[in-house]
Amino acid sequence: MTVQTEIVVASPLWPQAESEEAVRRAIAASEALFEPTDAEVSVLLCDDAEIQRLNAKWRGKDYATNVLSFPSAGQQAGEDHLGDIAIAYETVKREAADEGKEFSHHLAHLAIHGFLHLLGFDHETDEEAEEMEGTEREILGRLGIADPYSGEPAQKQAVR
């Protein structure tokens, strides 16, 4: 799969070059696991206020979250837009700090998570969550990023 990734930085809070690079690397590492097909994805790097607005409008949940995915509805043969991903800066930064993770590593994980949702992965059941988390671990491992589900701070994981 060759994925064209359009990134829109909609908040000045994002460190633009570092953030765009982390997202592009994450999507590129993700696409290597799937059937070769050309596709497009759009990524919105926004703030908590914008993601809260999107979450309220599209999911009926009036609070900020870290990542939202919007798969393209009713893809027809020949259509190549997989969908859109939105990621909120303040939430990503807070979660990374709280969990002892590098900001760019947490951002990459969320980009991968959002991308997998566009491909049909979900985590509504234990089995789905196990499959999705396993796929995320595999992709993150390709990027040299520690397992985000181990429950240990990234600094401790690197020492193993």
N, C-alpha and C. Protein backbone atom coordinates (compact mmCIF):
# COMPACT_ATOMS: atom_id res chain seq x y z
N MET A 1 0.86 -1.17 0.00
CA MET A 1 0.00 0.00 0.00
C MET A 1 0.90 1.23 0.00
N THR A 2 0.61 2.16 -0.86
CA THR A 2 1.29 3.44 -0.86
C THR A 2 0.29 4.50 -0.44
N VAL A 3 0.52 5.11 0.69
CA VAL A 3 -0.43 6.06 1.23
C VAL A 3 0.12 7.48 1.10
N GLN A 4 -0.65 8.30 0.42
CA GLN A 4 -0.35 9.74 0.38
C GLN A 4 -0.97 10.33 1.63
N THR A 5 -0.17 11.00 2.43
CA THR A 5 -0.65 11.55 3.69
C THR A 5 -0.64 13.07 3.62
N GLU A 6 -1.83 13.65 3.73
CA GLU A 6 -1.95 15.10 3.79
C GLU A 6 -2.08 15.48 5.27
N ILE A 7 -1.21 16.36 5.74
CA ILE A 7 -1.24 16.79 7.13
C ILE A 7 -1.58 18.27 7.18
N VAL A 8 -2.60 18.60 7.96
CA VAL A 8 -3.00 19.99 8.16
C VAL A 8 -2.71 20.32 9.63
N VAL A 9 -1.84 21.28 9.85
CA VAL A 9 -1.53 21.73 11.20
C VAL A 9 -2.43 22.92 11.49
N ALA A 10 -3.48 22.68 12.30
CA ALA A 10 -4.51 23.68 12.54
C ALA A 10 -4.34 24.41 13.87
N SER A 11 -3.28 24.12 14.57
CA SER A 11 -3.01 24.79 15.85
C SER A 11 -1.53 25.15 15.91
N PRO A 12 -1.23 26.36 16.36
CA PRO A 12 0.17 26.77 16.48
C PRO A 12 0.89 26.07 17.63
N LEU A 13 0.18 25.30 18.43
CA LEU A 13 0.80 24.58 19.54
C LEU A 13 1.72 23.46 19.06
N TRP A 14 1.41 22.89 17.90
CA TRP A 14 2.17 21.75 17.40
C TRP A 14 3.57 22.16 16.95
N PRO A 15 4.61 21.42 17.38
CA PRO A 15 5.94 21.61 16.80
C PRO A 15 5.90 21.01 15.38
N GLN A 16 5.69 21.85 14.39
CA GLN A 16 5.27 21.41 13.07
C GLN A 16 6.17 20.37 12.42
N ALA A 17 7.45 20.64 12.27
CA ALA A 17 8.32 19.70 11.55
C ALA A 17 8.41 18.35 12.27
N GLU A 18 8.62 18.37 13.58
CA GLU A 18 8.72 17.14 14.36
C GLU A 18 7.42 16.34 14.31
N SER A 19 6.30 17.02 14.42
CA SER A 19 5.01 16.36 14.43
C SER A 19 4.68 15.74 13.08
N GLU A 20 4.90 16.50 12.02
CA GLU A 20 4.63 15.97 10.68
C GLU A 20 5.50 14.76 10.39
N GLU A 21 6.77 14.80 10.77
CA GLU A 21 7.67 13.68 10.55
C GLU A 21 7.21 12.45 11.32
N ALA A 22 6.80 12.61 12.58
CA ALA A 22 6.33 11.47 13.38
C ALA A 22 5.09 10.84 12.75
N VAL A 23 4.17 11.65 12.27
CA VAL A 23 2.95 11.13 11.65
C VAL A 23 3.28 10.42 10.34
N ARG A 24 4.11 11.02 9.50
CA ARG A 24 4.46 10.39 8.21
C ARG A 24 5.17 9.05 8.42
N ARG A 25 6.10 9.00 9.37
CA ARG A 25 6.81 7.74 9.65
C ARG A 25 5.85 6.68 10.16
N ALA A 26 4.91 7.08 11.02
CA ALA A 26 3.94 6.14 11.58
C ALA A 26 3.05 5.55 10.49
N ILE A 27 2.55 6.40 9.61
CA ILE A 27 1.68 5.92 8.51
C ILE A 27 2.48 5.03 7.57
N ALA A 28 3.71 5.42 7.25
CA ALA A 28 4.54 4.61 6.35
C ALA A 28 4.82 3.23 6.96
N ALA A 29 5.11 3.18 8.24
CA ALA A 29 5.35 1.89 8.89
C ALA A 29 4.08 1.05 8.94
N SER A 30 2.93 1.70 9.06
CA SER A 30 1.65 0.98 9.11
C SER A 30 1.29 0.39 7.76
N GLU A 31 1.53 1.13 6.71
CA GLU A 31 1.11 0.67 5.38
C GLU A 31 1.87 -0.55 4.93
N ALA A 32 3.05 -0.78 5.48
CA ALA A 32 3.87 -1.92 5.07
C ALA A 32 3.21 -3.26 5.40
N LEU A 33 2.24 -3.27 6.29
CA LEU A 33 1.61 -4.52 6.70
C LEU A 33 0.42 -4.93 5.83
N PHE A 34 0.03 -4.09 4.89
CA PHE A 34 -1.23 -4.32 4.19
C PHE A 34 -1.03 -4.46 2.70
N GLU A 35 -2.07 -4.96 2.03
CA GLU A 35 -2.03 -5.22 0.60
C GLU A 35 -1.64 -3.97 -0.19
N PRO A 36 -0.81 -4.13 -1.21
CA PRO A 36 -0.41 -2.97 -2.00
C PRO A 36 -1.60 -2.36 -2.75
N THR A 37 -1.89 -1.13 -2.44
CA THR A 37 -2.96 -0.36 -3.06
C THR A 37 -2.65 1.10 -2.78
N ASP A 38 -2.88 1.94 -3.74
CA ASP A 38 -2.67 3.36 -3.49
C ASP A 38 -3.84 3.90 -2.69
N ALA A 39 -3.55 4.78 -1.76
CA ALA A 39 -4.59 5.35 -0.91
C ALA A 39 -4.16 6.72 -0.41
N GLU A 40 -5.13 7.44 0.12
CA GLU A 40 -4.88 8.76 0.71
C GLU A 40 -5.49 8.80 2.09
N VAL A 41 -4.86 9.56 2.96
CA VAL A 41 -5.39 9.82 4.29
C VAL A 41 -5.07 11.27 4.64
N SER A 42 -5.99 11.90 5.35
CA SER A 42 -5.78 13.28 5.82
C SER A 42 -5.66 13.24 7.33
N VAL A 43 -4.69 14.01 7.85
CA VAL A 43 -4.47 14.08 9.28
C VAL A 43 -4.56 15.54 9.71
N LEU A 44 -5.42 15.81 10.67
CA LEU A 44 -5.59 17.14 11.23
C LEU A 44 -4.91 17.17 12.59
N LEU A 45 -3.90 18.02 12.73
CA LEU A 45 -3.24 18.23 14.02
C LEU A 45 -3.86 19.49 14.61
N CYS A 46 -4.74 19.28 15.59
CA CYS A 46 -5.55 20.38 16.12
C CYS A 46 -5.32 20.53 17.62
N ASP A 47 -6.14 21.36 18.24
CA ASP A 47 -6.07 21.53 19.69
C ASP A 47 -7.26 20.83 20.35
N ASP A 48 -7.28 20.85 21.67
CA ASP A 48 -8.35 20.17 22.41
C ASP A 48 -9.73 20.74 22.10
N ALA A 49 -9.81 22.06 21.92
CA ALA A 49 -11.11 22.68 21.65
C ALA A 49 -11.69 22.15 20.34
N GLU A 50 -10.87 22.02 19.32
CA GLU A 50 -11.36 21.53 18.02
C GLU A 50 -11.73 20.06 18.09
N ILE A 51 -10.92 19.26 18.75
CA ILE A 51 -11.27 17.83 18.81
C ILE A 51 -12.50 17.63 19.67
N GLN A 52 -12.69 18.46 20.69
CA GLN A 52 -13.92 18.37 21.49
C GLN A 52 -15.13 18.70 20.63
N ARG A 53 -15.01 19.72 19.78
CA ARG A 53 -16.10 20.08 18.87
C ARG A 53 -16.42 18.92 17.93
N LEU A 54 -15.39 18.30 17.36
CA LEU A 54 -15.59 17.17 16.46
C LEU A 54 -16.19 15.97 17.20
N ASN A 55 -15.71 15.71 18.39
CA ASN A 55 -16.21 14.58 19.18
C ASN A 55 -17.69 14.78 19.53
N ALA A 56 -18.05 16.01 19.88
CA ALA A 56 -19.46 16.30 20.21
C ALA A 56 -20.34 16.17 18.97
N LYS A 57 -19.87 16.72 17.86
CA LYS A 57 -20.67 16.71 16.63
C LYS A 57 -20.86 15.30 16.07
N TRP A 58 -19.81 14.52 15.99
CA TRP A 58 -19.85 13.25 15.29
C TRP A 58 -20.05 12.04 16.18
N ARG A 59 -19.75 12.17 17.47
CA ARG A 59 -19.90 11.02 18.36
C ARG A 59 -20.84 11.29 19.53
N GLY A 60 -21.31 12.55 19.66
CA GLY A 60 -22.21 12.90 20.75
C GLY A 60 -21.53 12.91 22.11
N LYS A 61 -20.20 13.05 22.11
CA LYS A 61 -19.42 13.05 23.35
C LYS A 61 -18.73 14.40 23.48
N ASP A 62 -19.21 15.22 24.40
CA ASP A 62 -18.74 16.61 24.51
C ASP A 62 -17.52 16.74 25.42
N TYR A 63 -16.42 16.14 24.98
CA TYR A 63 -15.15 16.27 25.70
C TYR A 63 -14.01 16.04 24.71
N ALA A 64 -12.84 16.54 25.09
CA ALA A 64 -11.65 16.34 24.26
C ALA A 64 -11.18 14.89 24.40
N THR A 65 -10.60 14.39 23.35
CA THR A 65 -10.00 13.05 23.34
C THR A 65 -8.67 13.16 22.60
N ASN A 66 -7.90 12.10 22.57
CA ASN A 66 -6.59 12.19 21.94
C ASN A 66 -6.65 12.06 20.42
N VAL A 67 -7.42 11.11 19.90
CA VAL A 67 -7.47 10.88 18.46
C VAL A 67 -8.88 10.47 18.04
N LEU A 68 -9.28 10.95 16.88
CA LEU A 68 -10.54 10.54 16.26
C LEU A 68 -10.24 10.09 14.84
N SER A 69 -10.96 9.08 14.39
CA SER A 69 -10.83 8.61 13.01
C SER A 69 -12.19 8.67 12.33
N PHE A 70 -12.16 9.08 11.07
CA PHE A 70 -13.38 9.19 10.28
C PHE A 70 -13.16 8.46 8.96
N PRO A 71 -13.47 7.14 8.93
CA PRO A 71 -13.31 6.40 7.69
C PRO A 71 -14.21 6.98 6.60
N SER A 72 -13.74 6.95 5.38
CA SER A 72 -14.56 7.40 4.26
C SER A 72 -15.78 6.51 4.15
N ALA A 73 -16.92 7.12 4.04
CA ALA A 73 -18.18 6.37 3.96
C ALA A 73 -18.39 5.82 2.56
N GLY A 74 -18.81 4.59 2.49
CA GLY A 74 -19.22 3.99 1.21
C GLY A 74 -18.18 4.04 0.13
N GLN A 75 -16.96 3.63 0.43
CA GLN A 75 -15.93 3.65 -0.59
C GLN A 75 -16.35 2.80 -1.78
N GLN A 76 -16.25 3.37 -2.94
CA GLN A 76 -16.55 2.66 -4.18
C GLN A 76 -15.24 2.23 -4.83
N ALA A 77 -15.31 1.28 -5.73
CA ALA A 77 -14.12 0.85 -6.45
C ALA A 77 -13.50 2.06 -7.14
N GLY A 78 -12.21 2.19 -6.98
CA GLY A 78 -11.51 3.32 -7.60
C GLY A 78 -11.33 4.51 -6.67
N GLU A 79 -12.13 4.58 -5.60
CA GLU A 79 -11.93 5.65 -4.63
C GLU A 79 -10.75 5.27 -3.76
N ASP A 80 -9.91 6.25 -3.46
CA ASP A 80 -8.71 5.90 -2.71
C ASP A 80 -8.53 6.69 -1.43
N HIS A 81 -9.51 7.48 -1.02
CA HIS A 81 -9.39 8.22 0.24
C HIS A 81 -9.89 7.33 1.38
N LEU A 82 -8.96 6.90 2.24
CA LEU A 82 -9.32 6.02 3.36
C LEU A 82 -10.13 6.75 4.42
N GLY A 83 -9.82 8.03 4.62
CA GLY A 83 -10.54 8.79 5.63
C GLY A 83 -9.65 9.84 6.27
N ASP A 84 -10.12 10.33 7.42
CA ASP A 84 -9.46 11.44 8.10
C ASP A 84 -9.17 11.05 9.55
N ILE A 85 -8.07 11.59 10.05
CA ILE A 85 -7.67 11.39 11.44
C ILE A 85 -7.47 12.78 12.04
N ALA A 86 -7.96 12.99 13.26
CA ALA A 86 -7.71 14.24 14.00
C ALA A 86 -7.01 13.88 15.31
N ILE A 87 -5.98 14.66 15.66
CA ILE A 87 -5.20 14.41 16.87
C ILE A 87 -5.06 15.74 17.62
N ALA A 88 -5.33 15.71 18.94
CA ALA A 88 -5.35 16.92 19.77
C ALA A 88 -4.05 17.10 20.54
N TYR A 89 -3.43 18.25 20.36
CA TYR A 89 -2.12 18.54 20.95
C TYR A 89 -2.09 18.44 22.47
N GLU A 90 -2.96 19.18 23.15
CA GLU A 90 -2.87 19.24 24.61
C GLU A 90 -3.06 17.86 25.25
N THR A 91 -3.97 17.08 24.70
CA THR A 91 -4.22 15.75 25.25
C THR A 91 -3.02 14.84 25.00
N VAL A 92 -2.45 14.91 23.80
CA VAL A 92 -1.27 14.09 23.49
C VAL A 92 -0.12 14.47 24.42
N LYS A 93 0.10 15.76 24.59
CA LYS A 93 1.20 16.23 25.43
C LYS A 93 1.00 15.79 26.88
N ARG A 94 -0.21 15.95 27.40
CA ARG A 94 -0.51 15.57 28.79
C ARG A 94 -0.35 14.07 28.99
N GLU A 95 -0.90 13.27 28.07
CA GLU A 95 -0.80 11.82 28.20
C GLU A 95 0.66 11.36 28.14
N ALA A 96 1.43 11.92 27.22
CA ALA A 96 2.85 11.54 27.11
C ALA A 96 3.58 11.85 28.41
N ALA A 97 3.34 13.03 28.97
CA ALA A 97 4.00 13.40 30.23
C ALA A 97 3.55 12.49 31.37
N ASP A 98 2.25 12.25 31.47
CA ASP A 98 1.70 11.40 32.54
C ASP A 98 2.22 9.97 32.47
N GLU A 99 2.46 9.48 31.25
CA GLU A 99 2.87 8.10 31.05
C GLU A 99 4.38 7.94 30.87
N GLY A 100 5.12 9.05 30.96
CA GLY A 100 6.58 8.99 30.83
C GLY A 100 7.04 8.59 29.45
N LYS A 101 6.31 9.03 28.42
CA LYS A 101 6.65 8.69 27.03
C LYS A 101 7.17 9.91 26.31
N GLU A 102 7.98 9.68 25.30
CA GLU A 102 8.39 10.78 24.43
C GLU A 102 7.17 11.26 23.65
N PHE A 103 7.04 12.57 23.52
CA PHE A 103 5.91 13.16 22.80
C PHE A 103 5.78 12.57 21.40
N SER A 104 6.88 12.53 20.65
CA SER A 104 6.82 12.05 19.27
C SER A 104 6.45 10.57 19.21
N HIS A 105 6.82 9.79 20.21
CA HIS A 105 6.46 8.37 20.24
C HIS A 105 4.96 8.20 20.49
N HIS A 106 4.43 8.99 21.41
CA HIS A 106 3.00 8.90 21.69
C HIS A 106 2.20 9.38 20.47
N LEU A 107 2.66 10.44 19.83
CA LEU A 107 2.00 10.93 18.62
C LEU A 107 2.01 9.85 17.54
N ALA A 108 3.14 9.19 17.35
CA ALA A 108 3.22 8.12 16.35
C ALA A 108 2.23 7.00 16.68
N HIS A 109 2.15 6.64 17.96
CA HIS A 109 1.20 5.59 18.36
C HIS A 109 -0.23 5.99 18.02
N LEU A 110 -0.60 7.23 18.31
CA LEU A 110 -1.97 7.67 18.04
C LEU A 110 -2.24 7.75 16.54
N ALA A 111 -1.24 8.13 15.75
CA ALA A 111 -1.41 8.16 14.29
C ALA A 111 -1.64 6.73 13.77
N ILE A 112 -0.88 5.78 14.29
CA ILE A 112 -1.06 4.38 13.91
C ILE A 112 -2.44 3.89 14.33
N HIS A 113 -2.83 4.20 15.55
CA HIS A 113 -4.14 3.80 16.07
C HIS A 113 -5.26 4.34 15.16
N GLY A 114 -5.18 5.62 14.83
CA GLY A 114 -6.18 6.22 13.96
C GLY A 114 -6.19 5.59 12.58
N PHE A 115 -5.01 5.33 12.03
CA PHE A 115 -4.89 4.72 10.71
C PHE A 115 -5.51 3.32 10.70
N LEU A 116 -5.25 2.55 11.74
CA LEU A 116 -5.82 1.21 11.81
C LEU A 116 -7.35 1.25 11.86
N HIS A 117 -7.90 2.26 12.54
CA HIS A 117 -9.36 2.42 12.52
C HIS A 117 -9.86 2.65 11.10
N LEU A 118 -9.11 3.42 10.31
CA LEU A 118 -9.51 3.67 8.92
C LEU A 118 -9.52 2.38 8.11
N LEU A 119 -8.67 1.43 8.52
CA LEU A 119 -8.59 0.15 7.81
C LEU A 119 -9.58 -0.88 8.34
N GLY A 120 -10.39 -0.47 9.32
CA GLY A 120 -11.42 -1.37 9.82
C GLY A 120 -11.13 -2.03 11.16
N PHE A 121 -9.97 -1.78 11.73
CA PHE A 121 -9.67 -2.32 13.06
C PHE A 121 -10.52 -1.60 14.09
N ASP A 122 -10.82 -2.30 15.19
CA ASP A 122 -11.57 -1.68 16.28
C ASP A 122 -11.17 -2.35 17.58
N HIS A 123 -11.71 -1.86 18.68
CA HIS A 123 -11.37 -2.42 20.00
C HIS A 123 -12.60 -2.46 20.89
N GLU A 124 -13.74 -2.79 20.29
CA GLU A 124 -15.00 -2.87 21.03
C GLU A 124 -15.07 -4.15 21.87
N THR A 125 -14.46 -5.22 21.41
CA THR A 125 -14.45 -6.47 22.17
C THR A 125 -13.01 -6.77 22.59
N ASP A 126 -12.84 -7.67 23.55
CA ASP A 126 -11.50 -8.05 23.99
C ASP A 126 -10.68 -8.62 22.83
N GLU A 127 -11.31 -9.43 21.98
CA GLU A 127 -10.60 -10.03 20.85
C GLU A 127 -10.14 -8.96 19.86
N GLU A 128 -11.03 -8.01 19.56
CA GLU A 128 -10.67 -6.92 18.66
C GLU A 128 -9.54 -6.09 19.25
N ALA A 129 -9.64 -5.78 20.53
CA ALA A 129 -8.60 -4.97 21.19
C ALA A 129 -7.27 -5.68 21.16
N GLU A 130 -7.27 -6.98 21.41
CA GLU A 130 -6.04 -7.75 21.39
C GLU A 130 -5.39 -7.72 20.00
N GLU A 131 -6.20 -7.90 18.97
CA GLU A 131 -5.67 -7.87 17.60
C GLU A 131 -5.13 -6.48 17.25
N MET A 132 -5.89 -5.45 17.58
CA MET A 132 -5.47 -4.09 17.24
C MET A 132 -4.20 -3.70 18.01
N GLU A 133 -4.16 -4.00 19.29
CA GLU A 133 -2.98 -3.67 20.10
C GLU A 133 -1.76 -4.45 19.62
N GLY A 134 -1.95 -5.70 19.25
CA GLY A 134 -0.84 -6.49 18.72
C GLY A 134 -0.29 -5.89 17.43
N THR A 135 -1.18 -5.44 16.57
CA THR A 135 -0.76 -4.80 15.32
C THR A 135 -0.04 -3.49 15.61
N GLU A 136 -0.57 -2.71 16.56
CA GLU A 136 0.10 -1.46 16.95
C GLU A 136 1.50 -1.75 17.49
N ARG A 137 1.63 -2.76 18.34
CA ARG A 137 2.95 -3.12 18.89
C ARG A 137 3.93 -3.47 17.77
N GLU A 138 3.45 -4.24 16.81
CA GLU A 138 4.32 -4.65 15.69
C GLU A 138 4.80 -3.43 14.91
N ILE A 139 3.89 -2.53 14.59
CA ILE A 139 4.26 -1.33 13.81
C ILE A 139 5.20 -0.44 14.62
N LEU A 140 4.87 -0.22 15.89
CA LEU A 140 5.73 0.62 16.74
C LEU A 140 7.11 -0.01 16.88
N GLY A 141 7.17 -1.32 16.97
CA GLY A 141 8.46 -2.01 17.05
C GLY A 141 9.31 -1.74 15.81
N ARG A 142 8.69 -1.68 14.66
CA ARG A 142 9.41 -1.36 13.42
C ARG A 142 10.03 0.03 13.48
N LEU A 143 9.41 0.91 14.28
CA LEU A 143 9.90 2.28 14.43
C LEU A 143 10.85 2.42 15.62
N GLY A 144 11.09 1.34 16.33
CA GLY A 144 11.95 1.39 17.51
C GLY A 144 11.29 2.06 18.71
N ILE A 145 9.95 2.01 18.76
CA ILE A 145 9.20 2.63 19.84
C ILE A 145 8.71 1.54 20.78
N ALA A 146 8.89 1.76 22.08
CA ALA A 146 8.54 0.79 23.10
C ALA A 146 7.04 0.50 23.13
N ASP A 147 6.70 -0.67 23.63
CA ASP A 147 5.32 -1.13 23.77
C ASP A 147 4.53 -0.17 24.66
N PRO A 148 3.52 0.52 24.12
CA PRO A 148 2.76 1.48 24.92
C PRO A 148 1.80 0.83 25.90
N TYR A 149 1.60 -0.48 25.79
CA TYR A 149 0.64 -1.17 26.63
C TYR A 149 1.30 -1.93 27.79
N SER A 150 2.61 -1.80 27.94
CA SER A 150 3.29 -2.56 28.98
C SER A 150 3.03 -2.01 30.37
N GLY A 151 2.59 -0.75 30.45
CA GLY A 151 2.31 -0.15 31.74
C GLY A 151 3.53 0.40 32.43
N GLU A 152 4.69 0.30 31.81
CA GLU A 152 5.92 0.84 32.37
C GLU A 152 6.29 2.12 31.63
N PRO A 153 6.89 3.08 32.33
CA PRO A 153 7.39 4.27 31.62
C PRO A 153 8.38 3.86 30.54
N ALA A 154 8.41 4.63 29.45
CA ALA A 154 9.29 4.32 28.31
C ALA A 154 10.75 4.22 28.74
N GLN A 155 11.17 5.03 29.70
CA GLN A 155 12.56 4.99 30.13
C GLN A 155 12.91 3.62 30.71
N LYS A 156 12.01 3.02 31.46
CA LYS A 156 12.27 1.70 32.04
C LYS A 156 12.23 0.63 30.97
N GLN A 157 11.34 0.77 29.98
CA GLN A 157 11.22 -0.23 28.92
C GLN A 157 12.51 -0.33 28.13
N ALA A 158 13.15 0.81 27.89
CA ALA A 158 14.35 0.84 27.06
C ALA A 158 15.52 0.10 27.74
N VAL A 159 15.49 -0.06 29.05
CA VAL A 159 16.57 -0.68 29.79
C VAL A 159 16.56 -2.20 29.70
N ARG A 160 15.44 -2.79 29.40
CA ARG A 160 15.32 -4.26 29.34
C ARG A 160 16.33 -4.90 28.45
